PDB file of N, CA and C in Angstrom:
ATOM      1  N   UNK A   1       0.846  -0.972   0.033  1.00  0.00           N
ATOM      2  CA  UNK A   1      -0.019   0.136   0.161  1.00  0.00           C
ATOM      3  C   UNK A   1       0.852   1.282  -0.036  1.00  0.00           C
ATOM      4  N   UNK A   2       0.660   1.985  -0.850  1.00  0.00           N
ATOM      5  CA  UNK A   2       1.605   3.638  -1.033  1.00  0.00           C
ATOM      6  C   UNK A   2       0.746   4.098  -0.446  1.00  0.00           C
ATOM      7  N   UNK A   3       1.883   5.445   0.455  1.00  0.00           N
ATOM      8  CA  UNK A   3       1.179   6.522   1.214  1.00  0.00           C
ATOM      9  C   UNK A   3       1.503   7.596  -0.063  1.00  0.00           C
ATOM     10  N   UNK A   4       0.385   8.264   0.226  1.00  0.00           N
ATOM     11  CA  UNK A   4       0.753   9.999  -0.731  1.00  0.00           C
ATOM     12  C   UNK A   4       1.568  10.381   0.064  1.00  0.00           C
ATOM     13  N   UNK A   5       2.141  11.922  -0.606  1.00  0.00           N
ATOM     14  CA  UNK A   5       3.349  12.660  -0.258  1.00  0.00           C
ATOM     15  C   UNK A   5       2.686  13.175   0.977  1.00  0.00           C
ATOM     16  N   UNK A   6       1.213  13.572   0.849  1.00  0.00           N
ATOM     17  CA  UNK A   6       0.609  14.185   2.665  1.00  0.00           C
ATOM     18  C   UNK A   6       0.713  13.616   3.693  1.00  0.00           C
ATOM     19  N   UNK A   7       0.171  11.989   3.396  1.00  0.00           N
ATOM     20  CA  UNK A   7       0.108  11.179   4.654  1.00  0.00           C
ATOM     21  C   UNK A   7       1.591  10.897   5.069  1.00  0.00           C
ATOM     22  N   UNK A   8       2.877  10.737   4.115  1.00  0.00           N
ATOM     23  CA  UNK A   8       4.033  10.426   4.668  1.00  0.00           C
ATOM     24  C   UNK A   8       4.301  11.856   5.548  1.00  0.00           C
ATOM     25  N   UNK A   9       4.390  12.697   5.037  1.00  0.00           N
ATOM     26  CA  UNK A   9       4.499  13.992   5.745  1.00  0.00           C
ATOM     27  C   UNK A   9       3.659  14.065   7.322  1.00  0.00           C
ATOM     28  N   UNK A  10       2.656  13.811   7.060  1.00  0.00           N
ATOM     29  CA  UNK A  10       2.014  13.383   8.596  1.00  0.00           C
ATOM     30  C   UNK A  10       2.332  12.603   9.437  1.00  0.00           C
ATOM     31  N   UNK A  11       2.612  10.927   8.342  1.00  0.00           N
ATOM     32  CA  UNK A  11       3.330  10.099  10.023  1.00  0.00           C
ATOM     33  C   UNK A  11       4.514  10.518  10.522  1.00  0.00           C
ATOM     34  N   UNK A  12       5.406  11.310   9.283  1.00  0.00           N
ATOM     35  CA  UNK A  12       6.616  11.907   9.768  1.00  0.00           C
ATOM     36  C   UNK A  12       6.564  12.531  11.139  1.00  0.00           C
ATOM     37  N   UNK A  13       5.725  13.591  10.802  1.00  0.00           N
ATOM     38  CA  UNK A  13       5.406  14.596  11.887  1.00  0.00           C
ATOM     39  C   UNK A  13       4.798  13.941  13.079  1.00  0.00           C
ATOM     40  N   UNK A  14       4.097  13.158  13.015  1.00  0.00           N
ATOM     41  CA  UNK A  14       3.638  12.053  14.436  1.00  0.00           C
ATOM     42  C   UNK A  14       4.438  11.337  15.209  1.00  0.00           C
ATOM     43  N   UNK A  15       5.821  10.761  14.237  1.00  0.00           N
ATOM     44  CA  UNK A  15       6.636  10.180  14.919  1.00  0.00           C
ATOM     45  C   UNK A  15       7.500  11.338  15.610  1.00  0.00           C
ATOM     46  N   UNK A  16       7.925  12.457  14.869  1.00  0.00           N
ATOM     47  CA  UNK A  16       8.686  13.522  15.738  1.00  0.00           C
ATOM     48  C   UNK A  16       7.804  13.926  16.918  1.00  0.00           C
ATOM     49  N   UNK A  17       6.560  14.412  16.804  1.00  0.00           N
ATOM     50  CA  UNK A  17       5.623  14.761  17.900  1.00  0.00           C
ATOM     51  C   UNK A  17       5.726  13.524  19.061  1.00  0.00           C
ATOM     52  N   UNK A  18       6.173  12.303  18.907  1.00  0.00           N
ATOM     53  CA  UNK A  18       5.699  11.445  19.746  1.00  0.00           C
ATOM     54  C   UNK A  18       6.991  11.409  20.645  1.00  0.00           C
ATOM     55  N   UNK A  19       8.270  11.438  19.891  1.00  0.00           N
ATOM     56  CA  UNK A  19       9.786  11.697  20.299  1.00  0.00           C
ATOM     57  C   UNK A  19       9.794  12.356  21.153  1.00  0.00           C
ATOM     58  N   UNK A  20       9.491  13.632  20.576  1.00  0.00           N
ATOM     59  CA  UNK A  20       9.667  15.007  21.267  1.00  0.00           C
ATOM     60  C   UNK A  20       8.982  14.618  23.082  1.00  0.00           C
ATOM     61  N   UNK A  21       7.477  14.074  22.801  1.00  0.00           N
ATOM     62  CA  UNK A  21       6.859  13.925  24.186  1.00  0.00           C
ATOM     63  C   UNK A  21       7.225  12.690  24.898  1.00  0.00           C
ATOM     64  N   UNK A  22       8.221  11.798  24.577  1.00  0.00           N
ATOM     65  CA  UNK A  22       8.757  11.070  25.514  1.00  0.00           C
ATOM     66  C   UNK A  22       9.921  11.766  25.850  1.00  0.00           C
ATOM     67  N   UNK A  23      10.941  12.647  25.450  1.00  0.00           N
ATOM     68  CA  UNK A  23      12.109  13.245  25.607  1.00  0.00           C
ATOM     69  C   UNK A  23      11.581  13.999  26.750  1.00  0.00           C
ATOM     70  N   UNK A  24      10.150  14.756  26.714  1.00  0.00           N
ATOM     71  CA  UNK A  24       9.727  15.719  27.436  1.00  0.00           C
ATOM     72  C   UNK A  24       9.495  14.769  28.809  1.00  0.00           C
ATOM     73  N   UNK A  25       8.822  13.519  28.689  1.00  0.00           N
ATOM     74  CA  UNK A  25       8.668  12.896  29.820  1.00  0.00           C
ATOM     75  C   UNK A  25       9.825  12.718  30.870  1.00  0.00           C
ATOM     76  N   UNK A  26      10.777  12.455  30.063  1.00  0.00           N
ATOM     77  CA  UNK A  26      11.991  11.684  30.534  1.00  0.00           C
ATOM     78  C   UNK A  26      12.657  12.865  31.424  1.00  0.00           C
ATOM     79  N   UNK A  27      12.767  13.966  30.459  1.00  0.00           N
ATOM     80  CA  UNK A  27      13.223  15.409  31.164  1.00  0.00           C
ATOM     81  C   UNK A  27      12.391  15.687  32.370  1.00  0.00           C
ATOM     82  N   UNK A  28      11.240  15.605  32.155  1.00  0.00           N
ATOM     83  CA  UNK A  28      10.563  16.154  33.561  1.00  0.00           C
ATOM     84  C   UNK A  28      10.490  15.396  34.989  1.00  0.00           C
ATOM     85  N   UNK A  29      10.628  13.690  34.588  1.00  0.00           N
ATOM     86  CA  UNK A  29      11.151  13.038  35.506  1.00  0.00           C
ATOM     87  C   UNK A  29      12.441  13.384  36.155  1.00  0.00           C
ATOM     88  N   UNK A  30      13.512  13.364  35.149  1.00  0.00           N
ATOM     89  CA  UNK A  30      14.902  13.806  35.713  1.00  0.00           C
ATOM     90  C   UNK A  30      14.831  15.033  36.518  1.00  0.00           C
ATOM     91  N   UNK A  31      13.794  16.305  35.872  1.00  0.00           N
ATOM     92  CA  UNK A  31      14.150  17.532  36.813  1.00  0.00           C
ATOM     93  C   UNK A  31      13.292  17.422  38.261  1.00  0.00           C
ATOM     94  N   UNK A  32      12.201  16.581  38.271  1.00  0.00           N
ATOM     95  CA  UNK A  32      11.538  16.338  39.270  1.00  0.00           C
ATOM     96  C   UNK A  32      12.540  15.581  40.466  1.00  0.00           C
ATOM     97  N   UNK A  33      13.222  14.501  39.938  1.00  0.00           N
ATOM     98  CA  UNK A  33      14.280  14.170  40.960  1.00  0.00           C
ATOM     99  C   UNK A  33      15.232  14.877  41.487  1.00  0.00           C
ATOM    100  N   UNK A  34      15.752  15.958  40.461  1.00  0.00           N
ATOM    101  CA  UNK A  34      16.605  16.859  40.839  1.00  0.00           C
ATOM    102  C   UNK A  34      15.842  17.658  42.060  1.00  0.00           C
ATOM    103  N   UNK A  35      14.984  18.095  41.660  1.00  0.00           N
ATOM    104  CA  UNK A  35      13.925  19.024  42.532  1.00  0.00           C
ATOM    105  C   UNK A  35      14.305  18.525  44.055  1.00  0.00           C
ATOM    106  N   UNK A  36      13.977  17.122  44.326  1.00  0.00           N
ATOM    107  CA  UNK A  36      13.353  16.339  45.621  1.00  0.00           C
ATOM    108  C   UNK A  36      15.015  16.172  45.890  1.00  0.00           C
ATOM    109  N   UNK A  37      15.952  15.845  45.175  1.00  0.00           N
ATOM    110  CA  UNK A  37      17.181  15.700  45.806  1.00  0.00           C
ATOM    111  C   UNK A  37      17.754  16.918  46.239  1.00  0.00           C
ATOM    112  N   UNK A  38      17.605  18.202  45.715  1.00  0.00           N
ATOM    113  CA  UNK A  38      18.115  19.533  46.130  1.00  0.00           C
ATOM    114  C   UNK A  38      17.255  19.594  47.588  1.00  0.00           C
ATOM    115  N   UNK A  39      16.026  19.458  47.672  1.00  0.00           N
ATOM    116  CA  UNK A  39      15.149  19.492  49.053  1.00  0.00           C
ATOM    117  C   UNK A  39      15.578  18.463  50.090  1.00  0.00           C
ATOM    118  N   UNK A  40      16.186  17.449  49.671  1.00  0.00           N
ATOM    119  CA  UNK A  40      16.794  16.671  50.609  1.00  0.00           C
ATOM    120  C   UNK A  40      18.363  17.345  51.018  1.00  0.00           C
ATOM    121  N   UNK A  41      19.040  17.592  50.050  1.00  0.00           N
ATOM    122  CA  UNK A  41      20.260  18.275  50.640  1.00  0.00           C
ATOM    123  C   UNK A  41      20.374  19.406  51.120  1.00  0.00           C
ATOM    124  N   UNK A  42      19.175  20.270  51.112  1.00  0.00           N
ATOM    125  CA  UNK A  42      19.135  21.415  51.801  1.00  0.00           C
ATOM    126  C   UNK A  42      18.471  21.234  53.152  1.00  0.00           C
ATOM    127  N   UNK A  43      17.877  20.121  53.346  1.00  0.00           N
ATOM    128  CA  UNK A  43      17.285  19.928  54.462  1.00  0.00           C
ATOM    129  C   UNK A  43      15.723  20.155  54.650  1.00  0.00           C
ATOM    130  N   UNK A  44      15.505  20.585  53.406  1.00  0.00           N
ATOM    131  CA  UNK A  44      13.799  21.067  53.518  1.00  0.00           C
ATOM    132  C   UNK A  44      13.050  20.109  53.998  1.00  0.00           C
ATOM    133  N   UNK A  45      12.005  20.226  54.735  1.00  0.00           N
ATOM    134  CA  UNK A  45      11.267  19.201  55.223  1.00  0.00           C
ATOM    135  C   UNK A  45       9.960  18.991  54.074  1.00  0.00           C
ATOM    136  N   UNK A  46      10.032  17.832  53.624  1.00  0.00           N
ATOM    137  CA  UNK A  46       8.808  17.675  52.639  1.00  0.00           C
ATOM    138  C   UNK A  46       7.901  16.487  53.167  1.00  0.00           C
ATOM    139  N   UNK A  47       7.015  17.039  53.678  1.00  0.00           N
ATOM    140  CA  UNK A  47       5.632  16.508  53.838  1.00  0.00           C
ATOM    141  C   UNK A  47       5.012  15.639  52.674  1.00  0.00           C
ATOM    142  N   UNK A  48       4.164  14.558  52.861  1.00  0.00           N
ATOM    143  CA  UNK A  48       3.857  13.828  51.267  1.00  0.00           C
ATOM    144  C   UNK A  48       2.697  14.936  50.352  1.00  0.00           C
ATOM    145  N   UNK A  49       2.169  15.882  51.190  1.00  0.00           N
ATOM    146  CA  UNK A  49       1.324  16.681  50.128  1.00  0.00           C
ATOM    147  C   UNK A  49       2.398  17.594  49.664  1.00  0.00           C
ATOM    148  N   UNK A  50       3.498  17.827  49.731  1.00  0.00           N
ATOM    149  CA  UNK A  50       4.342  18.743  49.346  1.00  0.00           C
ATOM    150  C   UNK A  50       5.045  17.989  48.427  1.00  0.00           C
ATOM    151  N   UNK A  51       5.347  16.726  48.324  1.00  0.00           N
ATOM    152  CA  UNK A  51       5.811  15.825  47.214  1.00  0.00           C
ATOM    153  C   UNK A  51       4.908  15.907  46.211  1.00  0.00           C
ATOM    154  N   UNK A  52       3.751  15.567  46.749  1.00  0.00           N
ATOM    155  CA  UNK A  52       2.678  15.359  45.541  1.00  0.00           C
ATOM    156  C   UNK A  52       2.425  16.577  44.694  1.00  0.00           C
ATOM    157  N   UNK A  53       2.167  17.654  45.289  1.00  0.00           N
ATOM    158  CA  UNK A  53       1.844  19.419  44.728  1.00  0.00           C
ATOM    159  C   UNK A  53       3.276  19.535  43.970  1.00  0.00           C
ATOM    160  N   UNK A  54       4.691  19.261  44.138  1.00  0.00           N
ATOM    161  CA  UNK A  54       5.669  19.697  43.468  1.00  0.00           C
ATOM    162  C   UNK A  54       6.021  18.689  42.167  1.00  0.00           C
ATOM    163  N   UNK A  55       5.854  17.314  42.438  1.00  0.00           N
ATOM    164  CA  UNK A  55       5.896  16.570  41.234  1.00  0.00           C
ATOM    165  C   UNK A  55       4.471  16.692  40.283  1.00  0.00           C
ATOM    166  N   UNK A  56       3.493  17.075  40.895  1.00  0.00           N
ATOM    167  CA  UNK A  56       2.443  17.344  39.724  1.00  0.00           C
ATOM    168  C   UNK A  56       2.799  18.578  38.839  1.00  0.00           C
ATOM    169  N   UNK A  57       3.125  19.755  39.734  1.00  0.00           N
ATOM    170  CA  UNK A  57       3.507  20.952  39.249  1.00  0.00           C
ATOM    171  C   UNK A  57       4.568  21.173  38.100  1.00  0.00           C
ATOM    172  N   UNK A  58       5.663  20.335  38.537  1.00  0.00           N
ATOM    173  CA  UNK A  58       6.627  20.130  37.861  1.00  0.00           C
ATOM    174  C   UNK A  58       6.420  19.523  36.432  1.00  0.00           C
ATOM    175  N   UNK A  59       5.977  18.254  36.604  1.00  0.00           N
ATOM    176  CA  UNK A  59       5.501  17.401  35.209  1.00  0.00           C
ATOM    177  C   UNK A  59       4.634  17.978  34.560  1.00  0.00           C
ATOM    178  N   UNK A  60       3.575  18.697  35.181  1.00  0.00           N
ATOM    179  CA  UNK A  60       2.466  19.072  34.493  1.00  0.00           C
ATOM    180  C   UNK A  60       3.152  20.285  33.779  1.00  0.00           C
ATOM    181  N   UNK A  61       3.720  20.960  34.121  1.00  0.00           N
ATOM    182  CA  UNK A  61       3.937  22.450  33.660  1.00  0.00           C
ATOM    183  C   UNK A  61       5.325  22.339  32.318  1.00  0.00           C
ATOM    184  N   UNK A  62       5.800  21.034  32.543  1.00  0.00           N
ATOM    185  CA  UNK A  62       6.778  20.938  31.818  1.00  0.00           C
ATOM    186  C   UNK A  62       6.115  20.140  30.280  1.00  0.00           C
ATOM    187  N   UNK A  63       5.326  19.063  30.599  1.00  0.00           N
ATOM    188  CA  UNK A  63       4.313  18.143  29.691  1.00  0.00           C
ATOM    189  C   UNK A  63       3.664  19.357  28.785  1.00  0.00           C
ATOM    190  N   UNK A  64       3.111  20.181  29.629  1.00  0.00           N
ATOM    191  CA  UNK A  64       2.083  21.062  28.923  1.00  0.00           C
ATOM    192  C   UNK A  64       2.990  21.696  27.839  1.00  0.00           C
ATOM    193  N   UNK A  65       4.163  22.589  28.560  1.00  0.00           N
ATOM    194  CA  UNK A  65       4.739  23.364  27.616  1.00  0.00           C
ATOM    195  C   UNK A  65       5.424  22.263  26.016  1.00  0.00           C
ATOM    196  N   UNK A  66       5.737  21.368  26.392  1.00  0.00           N
ATOM    197  CA  UNK A  66       6.231  20.515  25.154  1.00  0.00           C
ATOM    198  C   UNK A  66       5.134  19.856  24.440  1.00  0.00           C
ATOM    199  N   UNK A  67       3.960  19.963  25.121  1.00  0.00           N
ATOM    200  CA  UNK A  67       2.933  19.431  24.268  1.00  0.00           C
ATOM    201  C   UNK A  67       2.307  20.673  23.032  1.00  0.00           C
ATOM    202  N   UNK A  68       2.469  21.417  23.915  1.00  0.00           N
ATOM    203  CA  UNK A  68       2.022  22.898  22.955  1.00  0.00           C
ATOM    204  C   UNK A  68       2.903  23.238  21.858  1.00  0.00           C
ATOM    205  N   UNK A  69       4.419  23.459  22.675  1.00  0.00           N
ATOM    206  CA  UNK A  69       5.271  23.674  21.182  1.00  0.00           C
ATOM    207  C   UNK A  69       5.632  22.103  20.267  1.00  0.00           C
ATOM    208  N   UNK A  70       5.219  21.183  20.731  1.00  0.00           N
ATOM    209  CA  UNK A  70       5.407  20.059  19.783  1.00  0.00           C
ATOM    210  C   UNK A  70       3.697  20.147  18.745  1.00  0.00           C
ATOM    211  N   UNK A  71       3.020  20.849  18.929  1.00  0.00           N
ATOM    212  CA  UNK A  71       1.641  20.815  18.419  1.00  0.00           C
ATOM    213  C   UNK A  71       2.053  22.038  17.480  1.00  0.00           C
ATOM    214  N   UNK A  72       2.839  22.986  17.542  1.00  0.00           N
ATOM    215  CA  UNK A  72       3.118  24.266  16.435  1.00  0.00           C
ATOM    216  C   UNK A  72       4.066  23.185  15.851  1.00  0.00           C
ATOM    217  N   UNK A  73       4.930  22.670  15.907  1.00  0.00           N
ATOM    218  CA  UNK A  73       6.098  22.289  15.156  1.00  0.00           C
ATOM    219  C   UNK A  73       4.929  20.685  14.441  1.00  0.00           C
ATOM    220  N   UNK A  74       4.383  20.146  15.092  1.00  0.00           N
ATOM    221  CA  UNK A  74       3.426  18.987  14.277  1.00  0.00           C
ATOM    222  C   UNK A  74       2.923  19.777  13.226  1.00  0.00           C
ATOM    223  N   UNK A  75       2.225  21.054  13.325  1.00  0.00           N
ATOM    224  CA  UNK A  75       1.291  21.664  12.382  1.00  0.00           C
ATOM    225  C   UNK A  75       2.239  22.015  11.292  1.00  0.00           C
ATOM    226  N   UNK A  76       3.295  22.743  11.345  1.00  0.00           N
ATOM    227  CA  UNK A  76       4.145  23.036  10.386  1.00  0.00           C
ATOM    228  C   UNK A  76       4.858  22.085   9.500  1.00  0.00           C
ATOM    229  N   UNK A  77       5.079  21.101  10.289  1.00  0.00           N
ATOM    230  CA  UNK A  77       5.774  19.819   9.448  1.00  0.00           C
ATOM    231  C   UNK A  77       4.660  18.969   8.809  1.00  0.00           C
ATOM    232  N   UNK A  78       3.195  18.795   9.530  1.00  0.00           N
ATOM    233  CA  UNK A  78       2.535  17.943   8.735  1.00  0.00           C
ATOM    234  C   UNK A  78       1.662  18.856   7.595  1.00  0.00           C
ATOM    235  N   UNK A  79       2.118  19.905   7.138  1.00  0.00           N
ATOM    236  CA  UNK A  79       1.644  20.955   6.148  1.00  0.00           C
ATOM    237  C   UNK A  79       0.230  21.318   6.421  1.00  0.00           C
ATOM    238  N   UNK A  80      -0.237  21.197   7.825  1.00  0.00           N
ATOM    239  CA  UNK A  80      -1.617  21.720   7.987  1.00  0.00           C
ATOM    240  C   UNK A  80      -1.583  23.130   7.924  1.00  0.00           C
ATOM    241  N   UNK A  81      -0.506  23.961   8.000  1.00  0.00           N
ATOM    242  CA  UNK A  81      -0.342  25.235   7.759  1.00  0.00           C
ATOM    243  C   UNK A  81      -0.489  25.644   6.528  1.00  0.00           C
ATOM    244  N   UNK A  82       0.166  24.881   5.379  1.00  0.00           N
ATOM    245  CA  UNK A  82      -0.360  25.531   3.983  1.00  0.00           C
ATOM    246  C   UNK A  82      -1.674  25.178   3.549  1.00  0.00           C
ATOM    247  N   UNK A  83      -2.185  24.132   3.774  1.00  0.00           N
ATOM    248  CA  UNK A  83      -3.617  23.926   3.342  1.00  0.00           C
ATOM    249  C   UNK A  83      -4.516  25.546   3.962  1.00  0.00           C
ATOM    250  N   UNK A  84      -4.323  25.821   5.043  1.00  0.00           N
ATOM    251  CA  UNK A  84      -4.879  27.046   5.674  1.00  0.00           C
ATOM    252  C   UNK A  84      -4.522  28.430   4.848  1.00  0.00           C
ATOM    253  N   UNK A  85      -3.318  28.483   4.243  1.00  0.00           N
ATOM    254  CA  UNK A  85      -2.900  29.545   3.533  1.00  0.00           C
ATOM    255  C   UNK A  85      -3.488  29.154   1.854  1.00  0.00           C
ATOM    256  N   UNK A  86      -3.708  28.038   1.501  1.00  0.00           N
ATOM    257  CA  UNK A  86      -4.606  27.749   0.328  1.00  0.00           C
ATOM    258  C   UNK A  86      -5.755  28.031   0.242  1.00  0.00           C
ATOM    259  N   UNK A  87      -6.785  27.635   1.647  1.00  0.00           N
ATOM    260  CA  UNK A  87      -7.861  28.506   1.567  1.00  0.00           C
ATOM    261  C   UNK A  87      -8.283  29.537   1.679  1.00  0.00           C
ATOM    262  N   UNK A  88      -7.522  30.425   1.995  1.00  0.00           N
ATOM    263  CA  UNK A  88      -7.341  31.833   2.273  1.00  0.00           C
ATOM    264  C   UNK A  88      -7.390  32.699   0.866  1.00  0.00           C
ATOM    265  N   UNK A  89      -6.656  32.122  -0.023  1.00  0.00           N
ATOM    266  CA  UNK A  89      -6.468  32.561  -1.458  1.00  0.00           C
ATOM    267  C   UNK A  89      -7.770  32.166  -2.364  1.00  0.00           C
TER     268      UNK A  89
END
């Protein structure tokens, strides 16, 4: 089964988006671990609700940022931006 050029662009953009999200997930987990190591090193008390709040905040904000940035790249790479330009003219 042969893919059209547009389908190939979309498939490539999806693979890059998935790779970006995997990298962002790994990076956010590393940053969260480093934050907890810093708290431990400085002697900051870390009750369970504090740990949960920090983990949700760090992972959530980094993943949201990566997803929004990735969607901009996905839109450009998949050719969706070009389709909008064609409709306007």
